Structure formats: C-alpha cells, structure tokens
Amino acid sequence: MINDTVQLPLQYKRALTFKEACKYIDLSPSYVYKLTSAGIIPHSKPNGKKLYFDREKLDQWLLSNITNSAERKDIQASTYVSQNPK
C-alpha cells in the first residue's frame, strides 16, 4: 500500500500539532504543557482537547523578549546623556 500523505517541513506549515510545536521550538513536552496551562505560550484548543499552535505566533512569542547587545546599550546610554545634560 502506498502512503499518499505528504509531510510538509515544519517551517512551511501554519498550524502545528503539539508534538510538532515542541520540536519546532525545541522545548520538552512537559515544559510546553506548563507554558500552555499558564497561558504563557499562544495556542488553541478548537475541540477542547487537542492543542494546536500557529507557527507565526510561536515565532513572535520566541522573539518577544529581545534584549539589546552591550554595544547597543552603550549607544543608548551615550545618546541619553548627550540629550539630557544636567
């Protein structure tokens, strides 16, 4: 019997299953469950049971707490000091 199902690479899928999302964001299933139950990670439960994840929202979540490099912080500090003399 020939298997007609084609598996798209995760970066091309919009909706990810729980297993796919864990693999995509490289986190353990138990930790992802903790994040979903705490409402920290974006997810949906269309039928009230299975968890699904929007890949684009996961990307946004992964990049949501960006920190500046030390060089960028130095530039911001210099700019602030020059614009706000005593």
N, C-alpha and C. Protein backbone atom coordinates (compact mmCIF):
# COMPACT_ATOMS: atom_id res chain seq x y z
N MET A 1 0.84 -1.17 0.00
CA MET A 1 0.00 0.00 0.00
C MET A 1 0.90 1.25 0.00
N ILE A 2 0.57 2.20 -0.84
CA ILE A 2 1.34 3.43 -0.96
C ILE A 2 0.77 4.47 -0.02
N ASN A 3 1.67 5.12 0.71
CA ASN A 3 1.25 6.18 1.63
C ASN A 3 1.18 7.49 0.86
N ASP A 4 -0.03 8.04 0.69
CA ASP A 4 -0.24 9.25 -0.10
C ASP A 4 -0.07 10.54 0.72
N THR A 5 0.12 10.42 2.01
CA THR A 5 0.25 11.63 2.82
C THR A 5 1.64 12.21 2.66
N VAL A 6 1.69 13.50 2.45
CA VAL A 6 2.94 14.21 2.29
C VAL A 6 3.14 15.07 3.53
N GLN A 7 4.27 14.90 4.18
CA GLN A 7 4.57 15.69 5.37
C GLN A 7 5.36 16.92 4.97
N LEU A 8 4.78 18.08 5.20
CA LEU A 8 5.48 19.33 4.93
C LEU A 8 6.51 19.59 6.02
N PRO A 9 7.65 20.17 5.67
CA PRO A 9 8.59 20.59 6.72
C PRO A 9 7.88 21.61 7.63
N LEU A 10 8.24 21.61 8.90
CA LEU A 10 7.55 22.45 9.88
C LEU A 10 7.55 23.92 9.51
N GLN A 11 8.61 24.40 8.88
CA GLN A 11 8.67 25.83 8.54
C GLN A 11 7.65 26.22 7.47
N TYR A 12 7.03 25.25 6.81
CA TYR A 12 6.03 25.54 5.78
C TYR A 12 4.60 25.35 6.27
N LYS A 13 4.43 24.76 7.44
CA LYS A 13 3.09 24.54 7.99
C LYS A 13 2.67 25.74 8.81
N ARG A 14 1.42 26.09 8.77
CA ARG A 14 0.93 27.20 9.60
C ARG A 14 0.46 26.67 10.95
N ALA A 15 -0.35 25.63 10.94
CA ALA A 15 -0.86 25.04 12.18
C ALA A 15 -0.02 23.82 12.54
N LEU A 16 0.48 23.84 13.77
CA LEU A 16 1.32 22.74 14.24
C LEU A 16 0.60 21.96 15.34
N THR A 17 0.79 20.66 15.33
CA THR A 17 0.28 19.84 16.43
C THR A 17 1.17 20.06 17.65
N PHE A 18 0.78 19.49 18.76
CA PHE A 18 1.56 19.64 19.98
C PHE A 18 2.98 19.10 19.79
N LYS A 19 3.10 17.90 19.24
CA LYS A 19 4.43 17.30 19.02
C LYS A 19 5.28 18.15 18.07
N GLU A 20 4.64 18.62 17.01
CA GLU A 20 5.37 19.45 16.05
C GLU A 20 5.83 20.76 16.68
N ALA A 21 4.98 21.35 17.51
CA ALA A 21 5.35 22.61 18.16
C ALA A 21 6.52 22.40 19.12
N CYS A 22 6.50 21.32 19.87
CA CYS A 22 7.62 21.02 20.78
C CYS A 22 8.92 20.89 20.00
N LYS A 23 8.84 20.20 18.88
CA LYS A 23 10.03 20.03 18.04
C LYS A 23 10.45 21.37 17.44
N TYR A 24 9.50 22.15 16.96
CA TYR A 24 9.78 23.43 16.31
C TYR A 24 10.46 24.42 17.25
N ILE A 25 9.98 24.50 18.50
CA ILE A 25 10.56 25.47 19.44
C ILE A 25 11.63 24.83 20.33
N ASP A 26 11.86 23.56 20.14
CA ASP A 26 12.94 22.83 20.83
C ASP A 26 12.78 22.88 22.35
N LEU A 27 11.57 22.59 22.82
CA LEU A 27 11.29 22.52 24.24
C LEU A 27 10.64 21.18 24.55
N SER A 28 10.82 20.70 25.77
CA SER A 28 10.24 19.40 26.14
C SER A 28 8.72 19.49 26.23
N PRO A 29 8.04 18.38 25.96
CA PRO A 29 6.58 18.39 26.05
C PRO A 29 6.07 18.81 27.43
N SER A 30 6.73 18.38 28.49
CA SER A 30 6.25 18.75 29.83
C SER A 30 6.35 20.26 30.05
N TYR A 31 7.41 20.88 29.53
CA TYR A 31 7.56 22.32 29.70
C TYR A 31 6.54 23.08 28.85
N VAL A 32 6.27 22.58 27.65
CA VAL A 32 5.27 23.23 26.79
C VAL A 32 3.89 23.11 27.42
N TYR A 33 3.58 21.97 28.05
CA TYR A 33 2.31 21.84 28.77
C TYR A 33 2.22 22.88 29.88
N LYS A 34 3.30 23.08 30.62
CA LYS A 34 3.31 24.09 31.69
C LYS A 34 3.05 25.48 31.11
N LEU A 35 3.69 25.79 29.99
CA LEU A 35 3.51 27.10 29.36
C LEU A 35 2.08 27.30 28.87
N THR A 36 1.48 26.25 28.33
CA THR A 36 0.11 26.39 27.84
C THR A 36 -0.88 26.51 29.00
N SER A 37 -0.67 25.73 30.05
CA SER A 37 -1.62 25.79 31.17
C SER A 37 -1.53 27.12 31.91
N ALA A 38 -0.35 27.76 31.86
CA ALA A 38 -0.19 29.07 32.49
C ALA A 38 -0.60 30.21 31.55
N GLY A 39 -0.95 29.87 30.32
CA GLY A 39 -1.36 30.89 29.35
C GLY A 39 -0.20 31.73 28.85
N ILE A 40 1.00 31.21 28.90
CA ILE A 40 2.19 31.97 28.51
C ILE A 40 2.48 31.85 27.01
N ILE A 41 2.22 30.68 26.46
CA ILE A 41 2.52 30.44 25.05
C ILE A 41 1.21 30.43 24.27
N PRO A 42 1.17 31.09 23.09
CA PRO A 42 -0.08 31.13 22.31
C PRO A 42 -0.43 29.75 21.75
N HIS A 43 -1.67 29.37 21.95
CA HIS A 43 -2.14 28.06 21.47
C HIS A 43 -3.66 28.10 21.32
N SER A 44 -4.19 27.06 20.71
CA SER A 44 -5.64 26.94 20.60
C SER A 44 -6.06 25.50 20.86
N LYS A 45 -7.30 25.35 21.28
CA LYS A 45 -7.91 24.04 21.53
C LYS A 45 -9.27 24.06 20.85
N PRO A 46 -9.30 23.87 19.53
CA PRO A 46 -10.56 24.02 18.79
C PRO A 46 -11.68 23.09 19.25
N ASN A 47 -11.37 21.89 19.68
CA ASN A 47 -12.43 20.99 20.12
C ASN A 47 -12.35 20.73 21.61
N GLY A 48 -11.55 21.54 22.31
CA GLY A 48 -11.46 21.41 23.75
C GLY A 48 -10.50 20.36 24.25
N LYS A 49 -9.82 19.65 23.36
CA LYS A 49 -8.92 18.59 23.80
C LYS A 49 -7.51 18.78 23.25
N LYS A 50 -7.35 18.61 21.96
CA LYS A 50 -6.02 18.68 21.36
C LYS A 50 -5.53 20.13 21.27
N LEU A 51 -4.22 20.29 21.50
CA LEU A 51 -3.59 21.60 21.41
C LEU A 51 -3.01 21.80 20.01
N TYR A 52 -3.19 23.00 19.48
CA TYR A 52 -2.59 23.37 18.20
C TYR A 52 -1.91 24.72 18.36
N PHE A 53 -0.94 24.95 17.51
CA PHE A 53 -0.13 26.16 17.61
C PHE A 53 0.03 26.79 16.24
N ASP A 54 -0.11 28.10 16.18
CA ASP A 54 0.12 28.86 14.95
C ASP A 54 1.62 29.14 14.88
N ARG A 55 2.27 28.64 13.85
CA ARG A 55 3.72 28.76 13.73
C ARG A 55 4.17 30.22 13.78
N GLU A 56 3.45 31.11 13.11
CA GLU A 56 3.82 32.52 13.09
C GLU A 56 3.72 33.14 14.49
N LYS A 57 2.70 32.75 15.25
CA LYS A 57 2.56 33.26 16.62
C LYS A 57 3.66 32.70 17.52
N LEU A 58 4.06 31.45 17.26
CA LEU A 58 5.18 30.88 18.01
C LEU A 58 6.46 31.67 17.73
N ASP A 59 6.67 32.01 16.46
CA ASP A 59 7.84 32.82 16.10
C ASP A 59 7.81 34.15 16.83
N GLN A 60 6.67 34.80 16.86
CA GLN A 60 6.54 36.08 17.56
C GLN A 60 6.80 35.91 19.05
N TRP A 61 6.27 34.84 19.62
CA TRP A 61 6.48 34.58 21.04
C TRP A 61 7.95 34.33 21.34
N LEU A 62 8.62 33.56 20.49
CA LEU A 62 10.04 33.27 20.69
C LEU A 62 10.88 34.53 20.66
N LEU A 63 10.46 35.51 19.86
CA LEU A 63 11.24 36.73 19.70
C LEU A 63 10.67 37.90 20.51
N SER A 64 9.78 37.63 21.44
CA SER A 64 9.07 38.70 22.13
C SER A 64 9.86 39.42 23.20
N ASN A 65 10.89 38.84 23.73
CA ASN A 65 11.63 39.47 24.82
C ASN A 65 13.07 39.72 24.39
N ILE A 66 13.23 40.50 23.33
CA ILE A 66 14.54 40.76 22.77
C ILE A 66 15.33 41.67 23.69
N THR A 67 16.57 41.32 23.93
CA THR A 67 17.44 42.15 24.74
C THR A 67 18.49 42.79 23.84
N ASN A 68 18.89 43.98 24.20
CA ASN A 68 19.90 44.69 23.42
C ASN A 68 21.30 44.17 23.74
N SER A 69 22.16 44.25 22.76
CA SER A 69 23.55 43.88 22.97
C SER A 69 24.21 44.95 23.84
N ALA A 70 25.36 44.63 24.40
CA ALA A 70 26.10 45.59 25.23
C ALA A 70 26.45 46.83 24.41
N GLU A 71 26.82 46.63 23.15
CA GLU A 71 27.17 47.77 22.29
C GLU A 71 25.96 48.68 22.09
N ARG A 72 24.79 48.09 21.85
CA ARG A 72 23.57 48.88 21.65
C ARG A 72 23.20 49.63 22.93
N LYS A 73 23.38 49.00 24.08
CA LYS A 73 23.09 49.67 25.36
C LYS A 73 24.03 50.86 25.56
N ASP A 74 25.31 50.69 25.19
CA ASP A 74 26.26 51.80 25.31
C ASP A 74 25.85 52.97 24.43
N ILE A 75 25.40 52.69 23.23
CA ILE A 75 24.96 53.75 22.31
C ILE A 75 23.73 54.46 22.88
N GLN A 76 22.78 53.69 23.41
CA GLN A 76 21.58 54.29 24.01
C GLN A 76 21.95 55.16 25.21
N ALA A 77 22.87 54.68 26.04
CA ALA A 77 23.28 55.45 27.21
C ALA A 77 23.96 56.75 26.78
N SER A 78 24.85 56.67 25.79
CA SER A 78 25.55 57.87 25.31
C SER A 78 24.55 58.87 24.72
N THR A 79 23.59 58.39 23.97
CA THR A 79 22.57 59.25 23.38
C THR A 79 21.75 59.93 24.47
N TYR A 80 21.36 59.16 25.48
CA TYR A 80 20.57 59.73 26.57
C TYR A 80 21.34 60.82 27.30
N VAL A 81 22.61 60.54 27.62
CA VAL A 81 23.43 61.51 28.35
C VAL A 81 23.62 62.79 27.54
N SER A 82 23.87 62.63 26.22
CA SER A 82 24.08 63.80 25.39
C SER A 82 22.80 64.62 25.22
N GLN A 83 21.65 63.99 25.25
CA GLN A 83 20.39 64.68 25.07
C GLN A 83 19.80 65.21 26.37
N ASN A 84 20.32 64.77 27.51
CA ASN A 84 19.78 65.17 28.81
C ASN A 84 20.91 65.66 29.74
N PRO A 85 21.50 66.80 29.38
CA PRO A 85 22.58 67.30 30.25
C PRO A 85 21.99 67.79 31.58
N LYS A 86 22.83 67.86 32.57
CA LYS A 86 22.37 68.30 33.91
C LYS A 86 22.00 69.72 33.95
